[in-house]
Amino acid sequence: FHRLDFVDNAQAAAEVARETPINKVPYLIDGDKKVFDSRVIINYLISKHKLPALTLEEENTVSSIYSCLDSGVIWFLMRKDGFNMEDQGFFLSRMRQRIPENLKYLTPWATKLDPAKDWNYPAMALFSFLYWANARELMKLSDYPEMAKFLERFQNAPGLQDTVL
């Protein structure tokens, strides 16, 4: 595990660009294999370690979480570059809608999760998104009380404290 601040560190950005043609994190280097994008990484690890594949429901859940993440990353980078984030154009309006709509979809699932038995890839993906978006002030957790409770319930999940920035 290697942390990179590739947004504000030119050397780290060059490392990411050198290691992966899609020029984004995460990526995995496993011996002579390079694996790009978190969805491909998780599928690679599931196959390599002969773990059960994600169910269709889990895949849809992860897709919904990734929709939030995609919108959040776009929002974060555009805001960092000085775009007017209050613009009412189609693209930004759509980005503003995606996170709340997906969190609404995910809430019934997230409220049922138990940290003792449900610390799996979909739960990890949701935790990662919520932590990341909250830390970068892309959303107010107070607007999503069930998601705030999810973060609180899972804050001591195995391995989490080793990876939180």
Foldseek 3Di string as FASTA:
>chain_A
DDDAPLVPDVVSQVVQVVQDVVSDDDWDDDPPDIGDDPVRVVVVVCVVVVHDDDDPVLVVLLVLLVQLVVLLVVLLVCVVVPDDLVDPDDPSVVSVPSNVVSLVVCLVVLLPDALVPPPDDSLVSLLVSVLVCVVSVVDDCVVVVSSVVSNVRNVPRPPNVVPDD
